[in-house]
Structures are given as C-alpha cells and as structure tokens.
C-alpha cells in the first residue's frame, strides 16, 4: 500500500488522530531547540508544529499525507515569485485549504 494513501486514510477521519497536544518528548526538550527556524518532518496533522509556533519558532511542516496537512493553515507573506510559479504556488495553496468547521 502507498504510504501516503495509508496516512491519508488515517487522517481523513473526523477529529485529530493523535489529539492536539504536542508530543511529550518534544515538550520536554523544546527549551533546548535554538529559537529561529524549525523544519518539522512527518508533522501529520500539525500538533507539534503548532506547539512550536506558539513558542515563537518559525516552523515549516512537511508530511507525506496531504490530508493531514490540510488540517493546518497555509500562509504566504512577501513570497516574491515569478508570475508563472506564483500562479502554481497559489493554486496549490488554495487546493490545500478546507472550509472552517
């Protein structure tokens, strides 16, 4: 089975698969992470990146599941791109949004 498909099926269920509280290990070591930019790999539905963002980190979250990432917001501020690329990026961003619950 495609790994992305497997995670998409898991995250497609209502609610949050692992809740919204951050991972306990992350909470225990967050004060050791230097302030600044953080890349959160395998971020799923975003609980860890949201936690870090609330602590003031500049977080980029990535995951194999586009369904999981749809539960996070998408933001683009001062992203200066050539027009053809900008159109592709904005279209992809819009397709990643979901209506508010």
PDB file of N, CA and C in Angstrom:
ATOM      1  N   UNK A   1       0.839  -1.185   0.000  1.00  0.00           N
ATOM      2  CA  UNK A   1       0.000   0.000   0.000  1.00  0.00           C
ATOM      3  C   UNK A   1       0.881   1.245   0.000  1.00  0.00           C
ATOM      4  N   UNK A   2       0.480   2.250  -0.739  1.00  0.00           N
ATOM      5  CA  UNK A   2       1.161   3.536  -0.782  1.00  0.00           C
ATOM      6  C   UNK A   2       1.135   4.164   0.613  1.00  0.00           C
ATOM      7  N   UNK A   3       2.301   4.543   1.125  1.00  0.00           N
ATOM      8  CA  UNK A   3       2.398   5.106   2.478  1.00  0.00           C
ATOM      9  C   UNK A   3       1.561   6.369   2.611  1.00  0.00           C
ATOM     10  N   UNK A   4       1.621   7.253   1.602  1.00  0.00           N
ATOM     11  CA  UNK A   4       0.819   8.471   1.646  1.00  0.00           C
ATOM     12  C   UNK A   4      -0.664   8.162   1.702  1.00  0.00           C
ATOM     13  N   UNK A   5      -1.101   7.175   0.943  1.00  0.00           N
ATOM     14  CA  UNK A   5      -2.511   6.781   0.937  1.00  0.00           C
ATOM     15  C   UNK A   5      -2.927   6.253   2.307  1.00  0.00           C
ATOM     16  N   UNK A   6      -2.058   5.449   2.899  1.00  0.00           N
ATOM     17  CA  UNK A   6      -2.344   4.891   4.230  1.00  0.00           C
ATOM     18  C   UNK A   6      -2.544   6.011   5.259  1.00  0.00           C
ATOM     19  N   UNK A   7      -1.656   7.000   5.262  1.00  0.00           N
ATOM     20  CA  UNK A   7      -1.786   8.115   6.203  1.00  0.00           C
ATOM     21  C   UNK A   7      -2.981   8.985   5.848  1.00  0.00           C
ATOM     22  N   UNK A   8      -3.248   9.184   4.575  1.00  0.00           N
ATOM     23  CA  UNK A   8      -4.431   9.960   4.176  1.00  0.00           C
ATOM     24  C   UNK A   8      -5.700   9.325   4.727  1.00  0.00           C
ATOM     25  N   UNK A   9      -5.791   7.994   4.645  1.00  0.00           N
ATOM     26  CA  UNK A   9      -6.975   7.305   5.163  1.00  0.00           C
ATOM     27  C   UNK A   9      -7.090   7.485   6.676  1.00  0.00           C
ATOM     28  N   UNK A  10      -5.974   7.419   7.357  1.00  0.00           N
ATOM     29  CA  UNK A  10      -5.978   7.582   8.806  1.00  0.00           C
ATOM     30  C   UNK A  10      -6.406   8.999   9.199  1.00  0.00           C
ATOM     31  N   UNK A  11      -5.876  10.003   8.517  1.00  0.00           N
ATOM     32  CA  UNK A  11      -6.169  11.396   8.869  1.00  0.00           C
ATOM     33  C   UNK A  11      -7.509  11.883   8.327  1.00  0.00           C
ATOM     34  N   UNK A  12      -8.135  11.136   7.430  1.00  0.00           N
ATOM     35  CA  UNK A  12      -9.417  11.552   6.850  1.00  0.00           C
ATOM     36  C   UNK A  12     -10.564  11.423   7.845  1.00  0.00           C
ATOM     37  N   UNK A  13     -10.351  10.702   8.916  1.00  0.00           N
ATOM     38  CA  UNK A  13     -11.393  10.540   9.935  1.00  0.00           C
ATOM     39  C   UNK A  13     -11.595  11.865  10.670  1.00  0.00           C
ATOM     40  N   UNK A  14     -12.805  12.104  11.180  1.00  0.00           N
ATOM     41  CA  UNK A  14     -13.060  13.350  11.922  1.00  0.00           C
ATOM     42  C   UNK A  14     -12.139  13.467  13.142  1.00  0.00           C
ATOM     43  N   UNK A  15     -11.853  14.678  13.518  1.00  0.00           N
ATOM     44  CA  UNK A  15     -11.004  14.917  14.680  1.00  0.00           C
ATOM     45  C   UNK A  15      -9.534  14.780  14.349  1.00  0.00           C
ATOM     46  N   UNK A  16      -8.735  14.653  15.387  1.00  0.00           N
ATOM     47  CA  UNK A  16      -7.293  14.548  15.244  1.00  0.00           C
ATOM     48  C   UNK A  16      -6.833  13.181  15.753  1.00  0.00           C
ATOM     49  N   UNK A  17      -6.167  12.427  14.908  1.00  0.00           N
ATOM     50  CA  UNK A  17      -5.765  11.059  15.203  1.00  0.00           C
ATOM     51  C   UNK A  17      -4.962  10.947  16.497  1.00  0.00           C
ATOM     52  N   UNK A  18      -4.028  11.865  16.708  1.00  0.00           N
ATOM     53  CA  UNK A  18      -3.183  11.831  17.898  1.00  0.00           C
ATOM     54  C   UNK A  18      -3.510  12.971  18.861  1.00  0.00           C
ATOM     55  N   UNK A  19      -4.684  13.573  18.691  1.00  0.00           N
ATOM     56  CA  UNK A  19      -5.062  14.702  19.535  1.00  0.00           C
ATOM     57  C   UNK A  19      -4.372  15.971  19.090  1.00  0.00           C
ATOM     58  N   UNK A  20      -4.516  17.009  19.878  1.00  0.00           N
ATOM     59  CA  UNK A  20      -3.900  18.291  19.534  1.00  0.00           C
ATOM     60  C   UNK A  20      -2.757  18.657  20.470  1.00  0.00           C
ATOM     61  N   UNK A  21      -2.569  17.900  21.542  1.00  0.00           N
ATOM     62  CA  UNK A  21      -1.449  18.155  22.457  1.00  0.00           C
ATOM     63  C   UNK A  21      -0.148  17.729  21.792  1.00  0.00           C
ATOM     64  N   UNK A  22       0.917  18.494  21.997  1.00  0.00           N
ATOM     65  CA  UNK A  22       2.191  18.121  21.383  1.00  0.00           C
ATOM     66  C   UNK A  22       2.756  16.841  21.993  1.00  0.00           C
ATOM     67  N   UNK A  23       3.650  16.222  21.265  1.00  0.00           N
ATOM     68  CA  UNK A  23       4.357  15.038  21.724  1.00  0.00           C
ATOM     69  C   UNK A  23       5.082  15.359  23.039  1.00  0.00           C
ATOM     70  N   UNK A  24       4.973  14.456  24.022  1.00  0.00           N
ATOM     71  CA  UNK A  24       5.571  14.696  25.341  1.00  0.00           C
ATOM     72  C   UNK A  24       7.084  14.876  25.269  1.00  0.00           C
ATOM     73  N   UNK A  25       7.742  14.105  24.412  1.00  0.00           N
ATOM     74  CA  UNK A  25       9.195  14.255  24.283  1.00  0.00           C
ATOM     75  C   UNK A  25       9.537  15.647  23.771  1.00  0.00           C
ATOM     76  N   UNK A  26       8.790  16.119  22.777  1.00  0.00           N
ATOM     77  CA  UNK A  26       9.038  17.453  22.240  1.00  0.00           C
ATOM     78  C   UNK A  26       8.899  18.496  23.341  1.00  0.00           C
ATOM     79  N   UNK A  27       7.859  18.395  24.131  1.00  0.00           N
ATOM     80  CA  UNK A  27       7.648  19.345  25.226  1.00  0.00           C
ATOM     81  C   UNK A  27       8.848  19.320  26.182  1.00  0.00           C
ATOM     82  N   UNK A  28       9.376  18.127  26.445  1.00  0.00           N
ATOM     83  CA  UNK A  28      10.475  18.006  27.406  1.00  0.00           C
ATOM     84  C   UNK A  28      11.799  18.572  26.893  1.00  0.00           C
ATOM     85  N   UNK A  29      11.954  18.692  25.574  1.00  0.00           N
ATOM     86  CA  UNK A  29      13.225  19.188  25.022  1.00  0.00           C
ATOM     87  C   UNK A  29      13.091  20.508  24.270  1.00  0.00           C
ATOM     88  N   UNK A  30      11.910  21.051  24.200  1.00  0.00           N
ATOM     89  CA  UNK A  30      11.689  22.271  23.399  1.00  0.00           C
ATOM     90  C   UNK A  30      12.596  23.412  23.832  1.00  0.00           C
ATOM     91  N   UNK A  31      12.904  23.500  25.115  1.00  0.00           N
ATOM     92  CA  UNK A  31      13.758  24.592  25.581  1.00  0.00           C
ATOM     93  C   UNK A  31      15.213  24.436  25.120  1.00  0.00           C
ATOM     94  N   UNK A  32      15.562  23.289  24.572  1.00  0.00           N
ATOM     95  CA  UNK A  32      16.914  23.056  24.047  1.00  0.00           C
ATOM     96  C   UNK A  32      17.038  23.407  22.569  1.00  0.00           C
ATOM     97  N   UNK A  33      15.907  23.633  21.912  1.00  0.00           N
ATOM     98  CA  UNK A  33      15.918  23.955  20.479  1.00  0.00           C
ATOM     99  C   UNK A  33      16.177  25.450  20.333  1.00  0.00           C
ATOM    100  N   UNK A  34      17.251  25.823  19.635  1.00  0.00           N
ATOM    101  CA  UNK A  34      17.542  27.252  19.470  1.00  0.00           C
ATOM    102  C   UNK A  34      16.377  27.970  18.785  1.00  0.00           C
ATOM    103  N   UNK A  35      16.050  29.168  19.263  1.00  0.00           N
ATOM    104  CA  UNK A  35      14.988  29.953  18.638  1.00  0.00           C
ATOM    105  C   UNK A  35      15.357  30.218  17.183  1.00  0.00           C
ATOM    106  N   UNK A  36      14.341  30.269  16.351  1.00  0.00           N
ATOM    107  CA  UNK A  36      14.566  30.514  14.931  1.00  0.00           C
ATOM    108  C   UNK A  36      13.727  29.578  14.090  1.00  0.00           C
ATOM    109  N   UNK A  37      14.284  29.168  12.973  1.00  0.00           N
ATOM    110  CA  UNK A  37      13.564  28.333  12.017  1.00  0.00           C
ATOM    111  C   UNK A  37      13.649  26.864  12.403  1.00  0.00           C
ATOM    112  N   UNK A  38      12.509  26.167  12.243  1.00  0.00           N
ATOM    113  CA  UNK A  38      12.449  24.732  12.522  1.00  0.00           C
ATOM    114  C   UNK A  38      11.725  24.056  11.367  1.00  0.00           C
ATOM    115  N   UNK A  39      12.274  22.963  10.889  1.00  0.00           N
ATOM    116  CA  UNK A  39      11.620  22.135   9.884  1.00  0.00           C
ATOM    117  C   UNK A  39      11.074  20.915  10.602  1.00  0.00           C
ATOM    118  N   UNK A  40       9.763  20.750  10.603  1.00  0.00           N
ATOM    119  CA  UNK A  40       9.120  19.627  11.281  1.00  0.00           C
ATOM    120  C   UNK A  40       8.778  18.559  10.246  1.00  0.00           C
ATOM    121  N   UNK A  41       9.549  17.483  10.247  1.00  0.00           N
ATOM    122  CA  UNK A  41       9.369  16.401   9.284  1.00  0.00           C
ATOM    123  C   UNK A  41       8.327  15.413   9.794  1.00  0.00           C
ATOM    124  N   UNK A  42       7.494  14.905   8.909  1.00  0.00           N
ATOM    125  CA  UNK A  42       6.456  13.951   9.305  1.00  0.00           C
ATOM    126  C   UNK A  42       5.500  14.560  10.305  1.00  0.00           C
ATOM    127  N   UNK A  43       5.057  15.767  10.030  1.00  0.00           N
ATOM    128  CA  UNK A  43       4.285  16.549  11.008  1.00  0.00           C
ATOM    129  C   UNK A  43       2.826  16.131  11.121  1.00  0.00           C
ATOM    130  N   UNK A  44       2.357  15.266  10.234  1.00  0.00           N
ATOM    131  CA  UNK A  44       0.978  14.776  10.347  1.00  0.00           C
ATOM    132  C   UNK A  44      -0.051  15.892  10.317  1.00  0.00           C
ATOM    133  N   UNK A  45      -0.830  15.982  11.396  1.00  0.00           N
ATOM    134  CA  UNK A  45      -1.908  16.965  11.465  1.00  0.00           C
ATOM    135  C   UNK A  45      -1.465  18.281  12.097  1.00  0.00           C
ATOM    136  N   UNK A  46      -0.196  18.400  12.440  1.00  0.00           N
ATOM    137  CA  UNK A  46       0.349  19.683  12.840  1.00  0.00           C
ATOM    138  C   UNK A  46       0.457  19.963  14.328  1.00  0.00           C
ATOM    139  N   UNK A  47       0.186  19.001  15.181  1.00  0.00           N
ATOM    140  CA  UNK A  47       0.175  19.300  16.618  1.00  0.00           C
ATOM    141  C   UNK A  47       1.529  19.772  17.144  1.00  0.00           C
ATOM    142  N   UNK A  48       2.621  19.220  16.614  1.00  0.00           N
ATOM    143  CA  UNK A  48       3.943  19.624  17.084  1.00  0.00           C
ATOM    144  C   UNK A  48       4.377  20.965  16.499  1.00  0.00           C
ATOM    145  N   UNK A  49       4.073  21.203  15.234  1.00  0.00           N
ATOM    146  CA  UNK A  49       4.450  22.480  14.638  1.00  0.00           C
ATOM    147  C   UNK A  49       3.632  23.625  15.229  1.00  0.00           C
ATOM    148  N   UNK A  50       2.371  23.380  15.541  1.00  0.00           N
ATOM    149  CA  UNK A  50       1.544  24.414  16.185  1.00  0.00           C
ATOM    150  C   UNK A  50       2.128  24.750  17.556  1.00  0.00           C
ATOM    151  N   UNK A  51       2.515  23.740  18.304  1.00  0.00           N
ATOM    152  CA  UNK A  51       3.116  23.947  19.624  1.00  0.00           C
ATOM    153  C   UNK A  51       4.373  24.808  19.504  1.00  0.00           C
ATOM    154  N   UNK A  52       5.256  24.448  18.584  1.00  0.00           N
ATOM    155  CA  UNK A  52       6.493  25.212  18.413  1.00  0.00           C
ATOM    156  C   UNK A  52       6.221  26.633  17.936  1.00  0.00           C
ATOM    157  N   UNK A  53       5.269  26.792  17.046  1.00  0.00           N
ATOM    158  CA  UNK A  53       4.926  28.140  16.568  1.00  0.00           C
ATOM    159  C   UNK A  53       4.432  29.007  17.731  1.00  0.00           C
ATOM    160  N   UNK A  54       3.661  28.427  18.627  1.00  0.00           N
ATOM    161  CA  UNK A  54       3.170  29.179  19.796  1.00  0.00           C
ATOM    162  C   UNK A  54       4.312  29.576  20.730  1.00  0.00           C
ATOM    163  N   UNK A  55       5.414  28.835  20.669  1.00  0.00           N
ATOM    164  CA  UNK A  55       6.593  29.185  21.467  1.00  0.00           C
ATOM    165  C   UNK A  55       7.477  30.214  20.756  1.00  0.00           C
ATOM    166  N   UNK A  56       7.093  30.608  19.553  1.00  0.00           N
ATOM    167  CA  UNK A  56       7.830  31.644  18.836  1.00  0.00           C
ATOM    168  C   UNK A  56       8.744  31.158  17.737  1.00  0.00           C
ATOM    169  N   UNK A  57       8.734  29.865  17.446  1.00  0.00           N
ATOM    170  CA  UNK A  57       9.568  29.341  16.366  1.00  0.00           C
ATOM    171  C   UNK A  57       8.929  29.625  15.015  1.00  0.00           C
ATOM    172  N   UNK A  58       9.751  29.748  13.991  1.00  0.00           N
ATOM    173  CA  UNK A  58       9.315  29.890  12.608  1.00  0.00           C
ATOM    174  C   UNK A  58       9.315  28.482  12.029  1.00  0.00           C
ATOM    175  N   UNK A  59       8.130  27.862  11.958  1.00  0.00           N
ATOM    176  CA  UNK A  59       8.028  26.434  11.656  1.00  0.00           C
ATOM    177  C   UNK A  59       7.570  26.178  10.225  1.00  0.00           C
ATOM    178  N   UNK A  60       8.240  25.263   9.563  1.00  0.00           N
ATOM    179  CA  UNK A  60       7.794  24.721   8.283  1.00  0.00           C
ATOM    180  C   UNK A  60       7.487  23.245   8.524  1.00  0.00           C
ATOM    181  N   UNK A  61       6.247  22.856   8.213  1.00  0.00           N
ATOM    182  CA  UNK A  61       5.832  21.468   8.434  1.00  0.00           C
ATOM    183  C   UNK A  61       5.697  20.758   7.095  1.00  0.00           C
ATOM    184  N   UNK A  62       6.187  19.538   7.030  1.00  0.00           N
ATOM    185  CA  UNK A  62       6.017  18.702   5.843  1.00  0.00           C
ATOM    186  C   UNK A  62       5.552  17.324   6.278  1.00  0.00           C
ATOM    187  N   UNK A  63       4.816  16.661   5.411  1.00  0.00           N
ATOM    188  CA  UNK A  63       4.333  15.326   5.702  1.00  0.00           C
ATOM    189  C   UNK A  63       3.977  14.637   4.402  1.00  0.00           C
ATOM    190  N   UNK A  64       4.016  13.315   4.381  1.00  0.00           N
ATOM    191  CA  UNK A  64       3.647  12.540   3.206  1.00  0.00           C
ATOM    192  C   UNK A  64       2.133  12.609   2.970  1.00  0.00           C
ATOM    193  N   UNK A  65       1.372  12.935   4.017  1.00  0.00           N
ATOM    194  CA  UNK A  65      -0.087  12.977   3.908  1.00  0.00           C
ATOM    195  C   UNK A  65      -0.588  14.394   3.660  1.00  0.00           C
ATOM    196  N   UNK A  66      -1.133  14.614   2.475  1.00  0.00           N
ATOM    197  CA  UNK A  66      -1.725  15.924   2.209  1.00  0.00           C
ATOM    198  C   UNK A  66      -3.007  16.105   3.023  1.00  0.00           C
ATOM    199  N   UNK A  67      -3.678  15.029   3.384  1.00  0.00           N
ATOM    200  CA  UNK A  67      -4.888  15.110   4.201  1.00  0.00           C
ATOM    201  C   UNK A  67      -4.537  15.626   5.595  1.00  0.00           C
ATOM    202  N   UNK A  68      -3.456  15.111   6.170  1.00  0.00           N
ATOM    203  CA  UNK A  68      -3.025  15.583   7.484  1.00  0.00           C
ATOM    204  C   UNK A  68      -2.662  17.050   7.465  1.00  0.00           C
ATOM    205  N   UNK A  69      -1.922  17.451   6.437  1.00  0.00           N
ATOM    206  CA  UNK A  69      -1.507  18.849   6.347  1.00  0.00           C
ATOM    207  C   UNK A  69      -2.669  19.797   6.073  1.00  0.00           C
ATOM    208  N   UNK A  70      -3.769  19.288   5.520  1.00  0.00           N
ATOM    209  CA  UNK A  70      -4.928  20.140   5.268  1.00  0.00           C
ATOM    210  C   UNK A  70      -5.531  20.665   6.561  1.00  0.00           C
ATOM    211  N   UNK A  71      -5.228  20.043   7.685  1.00  0.00           N
ATOM    212  CA  UNK A  71      -5.767  20.487   8.970  1.00  0.00           C
ATOM    213  C   UNK A  71      -4.990  21.686   9.497  1.00  0.00           C
ATOM    214  N   UNK A  72      -3.867  22.028   8.846  1.00  0.00           N
ATOM    215  CA  UNK A  72      -3.100  23.242   9.166  1.00  0.00           C
ATOM    216  C   UNK A  72      -3.469  24.344   8.187  1.00  0.00           C
ATOM    217  N   UNK A  73      -3.241  25.576   8.573  1.00  0.00           N
ATOM    218  CA  UNK A  73      -3.470  26.708   7.680  1.00  0.00           C
ATOM    219  C   UNK A  73      -2.287  26.881   6.736  1.00  0.00           C
ATOM    220  N   UNK A  74      -2.492  27.671   5.716  1.00  0.00           N
ATOM    221  CA  UNK A  74      -1.433  27.958   4.752  1.00  0.00           C
ATOM    222  C   UNK A  74      -1.265  29.465   4.675  1.00  0.00           C
ATOM    223  N   UNK A  75      -0.042  29.926   4.717  1.00  0.00           N
ATOM    224  CA  UNK A  75       0.234  31.353   4.754  1.00  0.00           C
ATOM    225  C   UNK A  75       1.367  31.682   3.801  1.00  0.00           C
ATOM    226  N   UNK A  76       1.211  32.768   3.078  1.00  0.00           N
ATOM    227  CA  UNK A  76       2.276  33.241   2.208  1.00  0.00           C
ATOM    228  C   UNK A  76       2.343  34.759   2.329  1.00  0.00           C
ATOM    229  N   UNK A  77       3.420  35.247   2.924  1.00  0.00           N
ATOM    230  CA  UNK A  77       3.601  36.687   3.095  1.00  0.00           C
ATOM    231  C   UNK A  77       4.929  37.074   2.453  1.00  0.00           C
ATOM    232  N   UNK A  78       4.898  38.050   1.595  1.00  0.00           N
ATOM    233  CA  UNK A  78       6.096  38.532   0.918  1.00  0.00           C
ATOM    234  C   UNK A  78       6.873  37.410   0.238  1.00  0.00           C
ATOM    235  N   UNK A  79       6.147  36.527  -0.405  1.00  0.00           N
ATOM    236  CA  UNK A  79       6.774  35.439  -1.155  1.00  0.00           C
ATOM    237  C   UNK A  79       6.869  35.893  -2.608  1.00  0.00           C
ATOM    238  N   UNK A  80       7.989  36.487  -2.961  1.00  0.00           N
ATOM    239  CA  UNK A  80       8.174  37.068  -4.285  1.00  0.00           C
ATOM    240  C   UNK A  80       8.612  35.994  -5.276  1.00  0.00           C
ATOM    241  N   UNK A  81       7.683  35.608  -6.119  1.00  0.00           N
ATOM    242  CA  UNK A  81       7.945  34.567  -7.108  1.00  0.00           C
ATOM    243  C   UNK A  81       7.637  35.087  -8.503  1.00  0.00           C
ATOM    244  N   UNK A  82       8.308  34.544  -9.529  1.00  0.00           N
ATOM    245  CA  UNK A  82       7.947  34.898 -10.902  1.00  0.00           C
ATOM    246  C   UNK A  82       6.480  34.509 -11.141  1.00  0.00           C
ATOM    247  N   UNK A  83       5.775  35.272 -11.976  1.00  0.00           N
ATOM    248  CA  UNK A  83       4.340  35.090 -12.166  1.00  0.00           C
ATOM    249  C   UNK A  83       3.915  33.648 -12.450  1.00  0.00           C
ATOM    250  N   UNK A  84       4.536  32.918 -13.387  1.00  0.00           N
ATOM    251  CA  UNK A  84       4.079  31.536 -13.643  1.00  0.00           C
ATOM    252  C   UNK A  84       4.201  30.639 -12.403  1.00  0.00           C
ATOM    253  N   UNK A  85       5.303  30.765 -11.682  1.00  0.00           N
ATOM    254  CA  UNK A  85       5.496  29.966 -10.477  1.00  0.00           C
ATOM    255  C   UNK A  85       4.534  30.417  -9.376  1.00  0.00           C
ATOM    256  N   UNK A  86       4.342  31.716  -9.242  1.00  0.00           N
ATOM    257  CA  UNK A  86       3.417  32.256  -8.241  1.00  0.00           C
ATOM    258  C   UNK A  86       2.011  31.714  -8.459  1.00  0.00           C
ATOM    259  N   UNK A  87       1.572  31.645  -9.718  1.00  0.00           N
ATOM    260  CA  UNK A  87       0.241  31.113 -10.019  1.00  0.00           C
ATOM    261  C   UNK A  87       0.135  29.645  -9.601  1.00  0.00           C
ATOM    262  N   UNK A  88       1.177  28.866  -9.848  1.00  0.00           N
ATOM    263  CA  UNK A  88       1.179  27.451  -9.452  1.00  0.00           C
ATOM    264  C   UNK A  88       1.152  27.311  -7.934  1.00  0.00           C
ATOM    265  N   UNK A  89       1.968  28.094  -7.253  1.00  0.00           N
ATOM    266  CA  UNK A  89       2.043  28.010  -5.791  1.00  0.00           C
ATOM    267  C   UNK A  89       0.719  28.426  -5.166  1.00  0.00           C
ATOM    268  N   UNK A  90       0.120  29.513  -5.656  1.00  0.00           N
ATOM    269  CA  UNK A  90      -1.155  29.970  -5.089  1.00  0.00           C
ATOM    270  C   UNK A  90      -2.267  28.962  -5.358  1.00  0.00           C
ATOM    271  N   UNK A  91      -2.281  28.370  -6.536  1.00  0.00           N
ATOM    272  CA  UNK A  91      -3.293  27.356  -6.845  1.00  0.00           C
ATOM    273  C   UNK A  91      -3.119  26.138  -5.936  1.00  0.00           C
ATOM    274  N   UNK A  92      -1.891  25.732  -5.710  1.00  0.00           N
ATOM    275  CA  UNK A  92      -1.637  24.596  -4.819  1.00  0.00           C
ATOM    276  C   UNK A  92      -2.032  24.934  -3.391  1.00  0.00           C
ATOM    277  N   UNK A  93      -1.768  26.158  -2.959  1.00  0.00           N
ATOM    278  CA  UNK A  93      -2.143  26.578  -1.600  1.00  0.00           C
ATOM    279  C   UNK A  93      -3.653  26.557  -1.433  1.00  0.00           C
ATOM    280  N   UNK A  94      -4.371  27.073  -2.400  1.00  0.00           N
ATOM    281  CA  UNK A  94      -5.844  27.087  -2.320  1.00  0.00           C
ATOM    282  C   UNK A  94      -6.377  25.666  -2.294  1.00  0.00           C
ATOM    283  N   UNK A  95      -5.807  24.780  -3.075  1.00  0.00           N
ATOM    284  CA  UNK A  95      -6.302  23.398  -3.096  1.00  0.00           C
ATOM    285  C   UNK A  95      -6.014  22.694  -1.770  1.00  0.00           C
ATOM    286  N   UNK A  96      -5.069  23.200  -0.983  1.00  0.00           N
ATOM    287  CA  UNK A  96      -4.751  22.609   0.299  1.00  0.00           C
ATOM    288  C   UNK A  96      -5.618  23.085   1.444  1.00  0.00           C
ATOM    289  N   UNK A  97      -6.466  24.075   1.179  1.00  0.00           N
ATOM    290  CA  UNK A  97      -7.321  24.612   2.243  1.00  0.00           C
ATOM    291  C   UNK A  97      -8.598  23.798   2.361  1.00  0.00           C
ATOM    292  N   UNK A  98      -9.199  23.848   3.549  1.00  0.00           N
ATOM    293  CA  UNK A  98     -10.509  23.229   3.742  1.00  0.00           C
ATOM    294  C   UNK A  98     -11.405  24.259   4.409  1.00  0.00           C
ATOM    295  N   UNK A  99     -12.719  24.139   4.234  1.00  0.00           N
ATOM    296  CA  UNK A  99     -13.629  25.084   4.880  1.00  0.00           C
ATOM    297  C   UNK A  99     -13.529  24.983   6.386  1.00  0.00           C
ATOM    298  N   UNK A 100     -13.814  26.094   7.070  1.00  0.00           N
ATOM    299  CA  UNK A 100     -13.842  26.059   8.533  1.00  0.00           C
ATOM    300  C   UNK A 100     -14.937  25.141   9.005  1.00  0.00           C
ATOM    301  N   UNK A 101     -14.679  24.478  10.122  1.00  0.00           N
ATOM    302  CA  UNK A 101     -15.706  23.611  10.711  1.00  0.00           C
ATOM    303  C   UNK A 101     -16.794  24.428  11.368  1.00  0.00           C
TER     304      UNK A 101
END
